[in-house]
Amino acid sequence: MDVSLRRMRAEDIEQVVEIEREAFTPMWVGTPFKREMSNRYARYLMAFYEDGGPSGGLATPVAGLPIQRRYPGATLWRWLRGLFAGGDKNAAPLPEPTAISPAAGYVGVWFQGDDAHVTEIAVRGRLRGNGIGELLLIGSVRAAVEYGSSVVTLEVRVSNLIAIRLYEKYGFKQVGLRKAYYSDNREDAAIMTTSPIHSSEYQALFTQLQEAYQTRWRPIRIDI
């Protein structure tokens, strides 16, 4: 089955919320996707099966890839309110998971100065191991290149070796540590960043990796 990547649309939100809720529980808060899609400093991409996709399955942070989201401004307040008050009582009921969904995963990227920061990335659980997480990462880097960012950054749990290996494959290096960053278990987060993504060295690596991806998995079709 062919998986493509494109910008998230309003009609995708219900399915993306399913994936986000499944992947980030018990720390799930809920991203205001409708607002973020109109934010010129953010880019949300969705991976989808062109033929409708397989049925069922919970989502998990990609290939064990969970990235701790940041909670600026009002989003931080929503997180704190949910943490101490047991959730937002005024929030709309969550959608029931669809039986068959073309949505396979999604990724969010925020553009902050010269950095493109990957804020969250998730794939439906039963679809892991099919190259979807790597496709989302490729889309993130392409979006950063298009926007004109200098580097791509992210945070990842220090215990998440599968994710760290994937990021290292795409030229990310650990440049720091956020102590007790994750609220569920106080685990540290590794801060990772690429070298300049417009350099000839990085572009050569990125081209090679995309060619290898297409040989192993599928043609890359991305509308960013």
C-alpha atoms as a PDB file:
ATOM      1  CA  MET A   1       0.000   0.000   0.000  1.00  0.00           C
ATOM      2  CA  ASP A   2       1.306   3.448  -0.978  1.00  0.00           C
ATOM      3  CA  VAL A   3       1.800   6.092   1.705  1.00  0.00           C
ATOM      4  CA  SER A   4       2.087   9.760   0.814  1.00  0.00           C
ATOM      5  CA  LEU A   5       2.680  12.905   2.818  1.00  0.00           C
ATOM      6  CA  ARG A   6       0.869  16.222   2.517  1.00  0.00           C
ATOM      7  CA  ARG A   7      -0.093  19.244   4.559  1.00  0.00           C
ATOM      8  CA  MET A   8      -2.737  18.590   7.169  1.00  0.00           C
ATOM      9  CA  ARG A   9      -6.249  19.798   6.316  1.00  0.00           C
ATOM     10  CA  ALA A  10      -9.246  20.653   8.458  1.00  0.00           C
ATOM     11  CA  GLU A  11     -10.957  17.412   7.467  1.00  0.00           C
ATOM     12  CA  ASP A  12      -7.952  15.450   8.796  1.00  0.00           C
ATOM     13  CA  ILE A  13      -8.182  16.756  12.352  1.00  0.00           C
ATOM     14  CA  GLU A  14     -10.518  14.082  13.729  1.00  0.00           C
ATOM     15  CA  GLN A  15      -8.217  11.280  12.594  1.00  0.00           C
ATOM     16  CA  VAL A  16      -5.065  13.093  13.683  1.00  0.00           C
ATOM     17  CA  VAL A  17      -6.539  13.645  17.156  1.00  0.00           C
ATOM     18  CA  GLU A  18      -7.094   9.879  17.371  1.00  0.00           C
ATOM     19  CA  ILE A  19      -3.431   9.275  16.566  1.00  0.00           C
ATOM     20  CA  GLU A  20      -2.210  11.957  18.953  1.00  0.00           C
ATOM     21  CA  ARG A  21      -4.389  10.725  21.816  1.00  0.00           C
ATOM     22  CA  GLU A  22      -3.282   7.121  21.329  1.00  0.00           C
ATOM     23  CA  ALA A  23       0.392   7.999  21.013  1.00  0.00           C
ATOM     24  CA  PHE A  24       0.828  10.465  23.867  1.00  0.00           C
ATOM     25  CA  THR A  25      -1.456   9.064  26.572  1.00  0.00           C
ATOM     26  CA  PRO A  26      -1.115   9.497  29.583  1.00  0.00           C
ATOM     27  CA  MET A  27       0.536  12.854  28.822  1.00  0.00           C
ATOM     28  CA  TRP A  28      -1.960  13.677  26.083  1.00  0.00           C
ATOM     29  CA  VAL A  29      -3.277  17.239  26.176  1.00  0.00           C
ATOM     30  CA  GLY A  30      -4.436  17.972  22.664  1.00  0.00           C
ATOM     31  CA  THR A  31      -2.848  20.250  20.101  1.00  0.00           C
ATOM     32  CA  PRO A  32      -5.082  23.034  18.682  1.00  0.00           C
ATOM     33  CA  PHE A  33      -4.547  21.746  15.160  1.00  0.00           C
ATOM     34  CA  LYS A  34      -7.069  24.075  13.502  1.00  0.00           C
ATOM     35  CA  ARG A  35      -5.263  27.112  14.881  1.00  0.00           C
ATOM     36  CA  GLU A  36      -1.802  25.722  14.212  1.00  0.00           C
ATOM     37  CA  MET A  37      -2.615  25.015  10.563  1.00  0.00           C
ATOM     38  CA  SER A  38      -3.084  28.760  10.028  1.00  0.00           C
ATOM     39  CA  ASN A  39       0.140  29.606  11.858  1.00  0.00           C
ATOM     40  CA  ARG A  40       2.743  30.699   9.317  1.00  0.00           C
ATOM     41  CA  TYR A  41       5.478  29.618  11.720  1.00  0.00           C
ATOM     42  CA  ALA A  42       4.257  26.024  11.908  1.00  0.00           C
ATOM     43  CA  ARG A  43       3.858  23.171   9.448  1.00  0.00           C
ATOM     44  CA  TYR A  44       1.797  20.041  10.107  1.00  0.00           C
ATOM     45  CA  LEU A  45       2.089  17.134   7.707  1.00  0.00           C
ATOM     46  CA  MET A  46      -0.017  13.974   7.586  1.00  0.00           C
ATOM     47  CA  ALA A  47       1.010  10.585   6.224  1.00  0.00           C
ATOM     48  CA  PHE A  48      -1.895   8.788   4.592  1.00  0.00           C
ATOM     49  CA  TYR A  49      -2.685   5.635   2.677  1.00  0.00           C
ATOM     50  CA  GLU A  50      -3.847   6.568  -0.792  1.00  0.00           C
ATOM     51  CA  ASP A  51      -6.114   3.508  -1.015  1.00  0.00           C
ATOM     52  CA  GLY A  52      -7.806   4.053   2.353  1.00  0.00           C
ATOM     53  CA  GLY A  53      -5.374   2.069   4.462  1.00  0.00           C
ATOM     54  CA  PRO A  54      -5.603  -0.926   6.770  1.00  0.00           C
ATOM     55  CA  SER A  55      -8.094  -1.070   9.603  1.00  0.00           C
ATOM     56  CA  GLY A  56      -7.624  -0.739  13.335  1.00  0.00           C
ATOM     57  CA  GLY A  57      -4.548  -0.258  15.429  1.00  0.00           C
ATOM     58  CA  LEU A  58      -3.453   2.095  18.143  1.00  0.00           C
ATOM     59  CA  ALA A  59      -0.901   4.783  17.494  1.00  0.00           C
ATOM     60  CA  THR A  60       2.480   4.926  19.134  1.00  0.00           C
ATOM     61  CA  PRO A  61       5.215   7.524  18.952  1.00  0.00           C
ATOM     62  CA  VAL A  62       6.934   6.646  15.719  1.00  0.00           C
ATOM     63  CA  ALA A  63       9.340   3.730  15.871  1.00  0.00           C
ATOM     64  CA  GLY A  64       9.510   4.602  19.498  1.00  0.00           C
ATOM     65  CA  LEU A  65      10.077   8.165  18.339  1.00  0.00           C
ATOM     66  CA  PRO A  66       8.159  10.336  20.760  1.00  0.00           C
ATOM     67  CA  ILE A  67       9.219  13.920  20.988  1.00  0.00           C
ATOM     68  CA  GLN A  68       8.139  15.878  24.042  1.00  0.00           C
ATOM     69  CA  ARG A  69       6.006  18.790  22.968  1.00  0.00           C
ATOM     70  CA  ARG A  70       6.622  22.293  24.222  1.00  0.00           C
ATOM     71  CA  TYR A  71       3.691  24.154  25.707  1.00  0.00           C
ATOM     72  CA  PRO A  72       4.022  27.896  25.041  1.00  0.00           C
ATOM     73  CA  GLY A  73       1.470  30.442  26.153  1.00  0.00           C
ATOM     74  CA  ALA A  74      -2.110  29.237  26.331  1.00  0.00           C
ATOM     75  CA  THR A  75      -1.102  25.671  25.563  1.00  0.00           C
ATOM     76  CA  LEU A  76       1.033  25.569  28.709  1.00  0.00           C
ATOM     77  CA  TRP A  77      -1.951  26.737  30.730  1.00  0.00           C
ATOM     78  CA  ARG A  78      -4.146  24.001  29.205  1.00  0.00           C
ATOM     79  CA  TRP A  79      -1.516  21.406  30.106  1.00  0.00           C
ATOM     80  CA  LEU A  80      -1.210  22.579  33.698  1.00  0.00           C
ATOM     81  CA  ARG A  81      -4.983  22.773  34.101  1.00  0.00           C
ATOM     82  CA  GLY A  82      -5.359  19.253  32.767  1.00  0.00           C
ATOM     83  CA  LEU A  83      -2.560  17.955  34.993  1.00  0.00           C
ATOM     84  CA  PHE A  84      -3.960  19.349  38.248  1.00  0.00           C
ATOM     85  CA  ALA A  85      -7.699  19.386  37.519  1.00  0.00           C
ATOM     86  CA  GLY A  86      -8.064  16.027  35.817  1.00  0.00           C
ATOM     87  CA  GLY A  87      -8.648  17.427  32.343  1.00  0.00           C
ATOM     88  CA  ASP A  88     -10.666  20.161  30.697  1.00  0.00           C
ATOM     89  CA  LYS A  89     -14.326  19.601  31.584  1.00  0.00           C
ATOM     90  CA  ASN A  90     -15.393  21.994  28.830  1.00  0.00           C
ATOM     91  CA  ALA A  91     -13.520  20.164  26.107  1.00  0.00           C
ATOM     92  CA  ALA A  92     -15.528  18.618  23.302  1.00  0.00           C
ATOM     93  CA  PRO A  93     -15.999  14.819  23.466  1.00  0.00           C
ATOM     94  CA  LEU A  94     -13.173  12.926  21.808  1.00  0.00           C
ATOM     95  CA  PRO A  95     -14.008  11.222  18.520  1.00  0.00           C
ATOM     96  CA  GLU A  96     -14.377   7.469  18.449  1.00  0.00           C
ATOM     97  CA  PRO A  97     -11.628   5.752  16.442  1.00  0.00           C
ATOM     98  CA  THR A  98     -12.604   5.094  12.865  1.00  0.00           C
ATOM     99  CA  ALA A  99     -12.767   1.481  11.682  1.00  0.00           C
ATOM    100  CA  ILE A 100     -10.768   2.208   8.547  1.00  0.00           C
ATOM    101  CA  SER A 101      -8.664   5.324   8.297  1.00  0.00           C
ATOM    102  CA  PRO A 102      -6.309   6.586   5.600  1.00  0.00           C
ATOM    103  CA  ALA A 103      -4.412   8.585   8.240  1.00  0.00           C
ATOM    104  CA  ALA A 104      -1.204   6.745   9.145  1.00  0.00           C
ATOM    105  CA  GLY A 105       0.677   9.389  11.131  1.00  0.00           C
ATOM    106  CA  TYR A 106       1.582  13.041  11.386  1.00  0.00           C
ATOM    107  CA  VAL A 107       4.392  15.418  12.307  1.00  0.00           C
ATOM    108  CA  GLY A 108       4.486  18.996  13.531  1.00  0.00           C
ATOM    109  CA  VAL A 109       7.319  21.437  12.837  1.00  0.00           C
ATOM    110  CA  TRP A 110       7.679  24.904  14.342  1.00  0.00           C
ATOM    111  CA  PHE A 111       9.951  27.496  12.737  1.00  0.00           C
ATOM    112  CA  GLN A 112      11.794  29.408  15.442  1.00  0.00           C
ATOM    113  CA  GLY A 113      14.416  31.851  14.208  1.00  0.00           C
ATOM    114  CA  ASP A 114      16.936  29.839  12.211  1.00  0.00           C
ATOM    115  CA  ASP A 115      15.725  26.538  13.669  1.00  0.00           C
ATOM    116  CA  ALA A 116      13.026  24.163  12.505  1.00  0.00           C
ATOM    117  CA  HIS A 117      11.889  22.321  15.634  1.00  0.00           C
ATOM    118  CA  VAL A 118      10.117  18.976  15.341  1.00  0.00           C
ATOM    119  CA  THR A 119       7.501  19.200  18.102  1.00  0.00           C
ATOM    120  CA  GLU A 120       5.644  15.907  17.808  1.00  0.00           C
ATOM    121  CA  ILE A 121       5.576  12.895  15.552  1.00  0.00           C
ATOM    122  CA  ALA A 122       3.415   9.772  15.767  1.00  0.00           C
ATOM    123  CA  VAL A 123       2.252   6.785  13.737  1.00  0.00           C
ATOM    124  CA  ARG A 124      -0.662   4.419  14.324  1.00  0.00           C
ATOM    125  CA  GLY A 125       0.693   1.592  16.449  1.00  0.00           C
ATOM    126  CA  ARG A 126      -0.021  -1.332  14.155  1.00  0.00           C
ATOM    127  CA  LEU A 127       1.609   0.501  11.261  1.00  0.00           C
ATOM    128  CA  ARG A 128       5.013   0.687  12.889  1.00  0.00           C
ATOM    129  CA  GLY A 129       7.908  -0.845  11.021  1.00  0.00           C
ATOM    130  CA  ASN A 130       6.630   0.244   7.608  1.00  0.00           C
ATOM    131  CA  GLY A 131       8.877   3.249   7.087  1.00  0.00           C
ATOM    132  CA  ILE A 132       6.156   5.781   7.894  1.00  0.00           C
ATOM    133  CA  GLY A 133       8.070   7.411  10.734  1.00  0.00           C
ATOM    134  CA  GLU A 134      11.107   7.833   8.517  1.00  0.00           C
ATOM    135  CA  LEU A 135       8.912   9.354   5.806  1.00  0.00           C
ATOM    136  CA  LEU A 136       7.583  11.872   8.337  1.00  0.00           C
ATOM    137  CA  LEU A 137      11.146  12.767   9.313  1.00  0.00           C
ATOM    138  CA  ILE A 138      12.058  13.243   5.644  1.00  0.00           C
ATOM    139  CA  GLY A 139       9.054  15.524   5.279  1.00  0.00           C
ATOM    140  CA  SER A 140      10.188  17.535   8.298  1.00  0.00           C
ATOM    141  CA  VAL A 141      13.626  18.131   6.810  1.00  0.00           C
ATOM    142  CA  ARG A 142      12.160  19.033   3.418  1.00  0.00           C
ATOM    143  CA  ALA A 143       9.806  21.520   5.082  1.00  0.00           C
ATOM    144  CA  ALA A 144      12.744  23.065   6.922  1.00  0.00           C
ATOM    145  CA  VAL A 145      14.737  23.376   3.698  1.00  0.00           C
ATOM    146  CA  GLU A 146      11.785  24.981   1.924  1.00  0.00           C
ATOM    147  CA  TYR A 147      11.212  27.436   4.761  1.00  0.00           C
ATOM    148  CA  GLY A 148      14.876  28.432   4.794  1.00  0.00           C
ATOM    149  CA  SER A 149      15.750  27.127   8.255  1.00  0.00           C
ATOM    150  CA  SER A 150      19.421  26.549   9.006  1.00  0.00           C
ATOM    151  CA  VAL A 151      19.092  23.434  11.178  1.00  0.00           C
ATOM    152  CA  VAL A 152      16.465  20.973  12.425  1.00  0.00           C
ATOM    153  CA  THR A 153      16.200  20.346  16.165  1.00  0.00           C
ATOM    154  CA  LEU A 154      14.215  18.079  18.478  1.00  0.00           C
ATOM    155  CA  GLU A 155      14.106  16.474  21.919  1.00  0.00           C
ATOM    156  CA  VAL A 156      13.900  12.737  22.557  1.00  0.00           C
ATOM    157  CA  ARG A 157      13.924  10.530  25.636  1.00  0.00           C
ATOM    158  CA  VAL A 158      17.452   9.392  26.457  1.00  0.00           C
ATOM    159  CA  SER A 159      16.192   5.796  26.744  1.00  0.00           C
ATOM    160  CA  ASN A 160      14.658   5.840  23.268  1.00  0.00           C
ATOM    161  CA  LEU A 161      17.548   4.226  21.438  1.00  0.00           C
ATOM    162  CA  ILE A 162      15.517   3.259  18.358  1.00  0.00           C
ATOM    163  CA  ALA A 163      14.545   6.869  17.777  1.00  0.00           C
ATOM    164  CA  ILE A 164      18.018   8.164  18.525  1.00  0.00           C
ATOM    165  CA  ARG A 165      19.531   5.795  15.964  1.00  0.00           C
ATOM    166  CA  LEU A 166      17.085   7.019  13.310  1.00  0.00           C
ATOM    167  CA  TYR A 167      17.850  10.642  14.092  1.00  0.00           C
ATOM    168  CA  GLU A 168      21.579   9.990  14.013  1.00  0.00           C
ATOM    169  CA  LYS A 169      21.128   8.331  10.630  1.00  0.00           C
ATOM    170  CA  TYR A 170      19.709  11.655   9.378  1.00  0.00           C
ATOM    171  CA  GLY A 171      22.624  13.647  10.729  1.00  0.00           C
ATOM    172  CA  PHE A 172      21.251  14.674  14.137  1.00  0.00           C
ATOM    173  CA  LYS A 173      23.794  14.922  16.948  1.00  0.00           C
ATOM    174  CA  GLN A 174      23.208  15.332  20.666  1.00  0.00           C
ATOM    175  CA  VAL A 175      24.113  18.851  21.727  1.00  0.00           C
ATOM    176  CA  GLY A 176      22.630  19.025  25.218  1.00  0.00           C
ATOM    177  CA  LEU A 177      20.367  17.533  27.846  1.00  0.00           C
ATOM    178  CA  ARG A 178      17.125  18.688  29.452  1.00  0.00           C
ATOM    179  CA  LYS A 179      17.071  17.218  32.941  1.00  0.00           C
ATOM    180  CA  ALA A 180      13.776  15.655  34.131  1.00  0.00           C
ATOM    181  CA  TYR A 181      12.069  16.952  30.968  1.00  0.00           C
ATOM    182  CA  TYR A 182       9.269  14.396  30.762  1.00  0.00           C
ATOM    183  CA  SER A 183       6.529  14.896  33.322  1.00  0.00           C
ATOM    184  CA  ASP A 184       5.348  11.268  33.481  1.00  0.00           C
ATOM    185  CA  ASN A 185       8.598   9.797  34.837  1.00  0.00           C
ATOM    186  CA  ARG A 186      11.049  12.710  35.092  1.00  0.00           C
ATOM    187  CA  GLU A 187      13.212  11.227  32.353  1.00  0.00           C
ATOM    188  CA  ASP A 188      15.864  13.385  30.728  1.00  0.00           C
ATOM    189  CA  ALA A 189      15.561  14.519  27.126  1.00  0.00           C
ATOM    190  CA  ALA A 190      18.446  14.566  24.699  1.00  0.00           C
ATOM    191  CA  ILE A 191      18.578  17.751  22.627  1.00  0.00           C
ATOM    192  CA  MET A 192      19.543  16.855  19.065  1.00  0.00           C
ATOM    193  CA  THR A 193      20.271  19.009  16.046  1.00  0.00           C
ATOM    194  CA  THR A 194      21.508  18.631  12.503  1.00  0.00           C
ATOM    195  CA  SER A 195      24.451  20.353  10.916  1.00  0.00           C
ATOM    196  CA  PRO A 196      23.441  23.166   8.507  1.00  0.00           C
ATOM    197  CA  ILE A 197      20.879  21.551   6.212  1.00  0.00           C
ATOM    198  CA  HIS A 198      21.707  23.728   3.195  1.00  0.00           C
ATOM    199  CA  SER A 199      25.365  22.685   3.187  1.00  0.00           C
ATOM    200  CA  SER A 200      26.578  20.507   0.338  1.00  0.00           C
ATOM    201  CA  GLU A 201      27.617  17.818   2.834  1.00  0.00           C
ATOM    202  CA  TYR A 202      24.192  17.554   4.433  1.00  0.00           C
ATOM    203  CA  GLN A 203      22.335  17.720   1.128  1.00  0.00           C
ATOM    204  CA  ALA A 204      24.485  14.877  -0.220  1.00  0.00           C
ATOM    205  CA  LEU A 205      23.659  12.782   2.860  1.00  0.00           C
ATOM    206  CA  PHE A 206      19.960  13.650   2.654  1.00  0.00           C
ATOM    207  CA  THR A 207      19.793  12.747  -1.036  1.00  0.00           C
ATOM    208  CA  GLN A 208      21.518   9.420  -0.380  1.00  0.00           C
ATOM    209  CA  LEU A 209      19.123   8.595   2.474  1.00  0.00           C
ATOM    210  CA  GLN A 210      16.057   9.414   0.384  1.00  0.00           C
ATOM    211  CA  GLU A 211      17.285   7.189  -2.420  1.00  0.00           C
ATOM    212  CA  ALA A 212      17.848   4.364   0.053  1.00  0.00           C
ATOM    213  CA  TYR A 213      14.372   4.899   1.488  1.00  0.00           C
ATOM    214  CA  GLN A 214      12.773   4.597  -1.956  1.00  0.00           C
ATOM    215  CA  THR A 215      14.720   1.424  -2.662  1.00  0.00           C
ATOM    216  CA  ARG A 216      13.609  -0.185   0.596  1.00  0.00           C
ATOM    217  CA  TRP A 217      10.090   1.160   1.056  1.00  0.00           C
ATOM    218  CA  ARG A 218       8.286   3.159  -1.615  1.00  0.00           C
ATOM    219  CA  PRO A 219       8.508   6.221  -3.850  1.00  0.00           C
ATOM    220  CA  ILE A 220       8.546   9.420  -1.847  1.00  0.00           C
ATOM    221  CA  ARG A 221       5.491  11.544  -2.533  1.00  0.00           C
ATOM    222  CA  ILE A 222       5.390  14.667  -0.401  1.00  0.00           C
ATOM    223  CA  ASP A 223       3.310  17.821  -0.865  1.00  0.00           C
ATOM    224  CA  ILE A 224       4.681  20.323   1.658  1.00  0.00           C
END
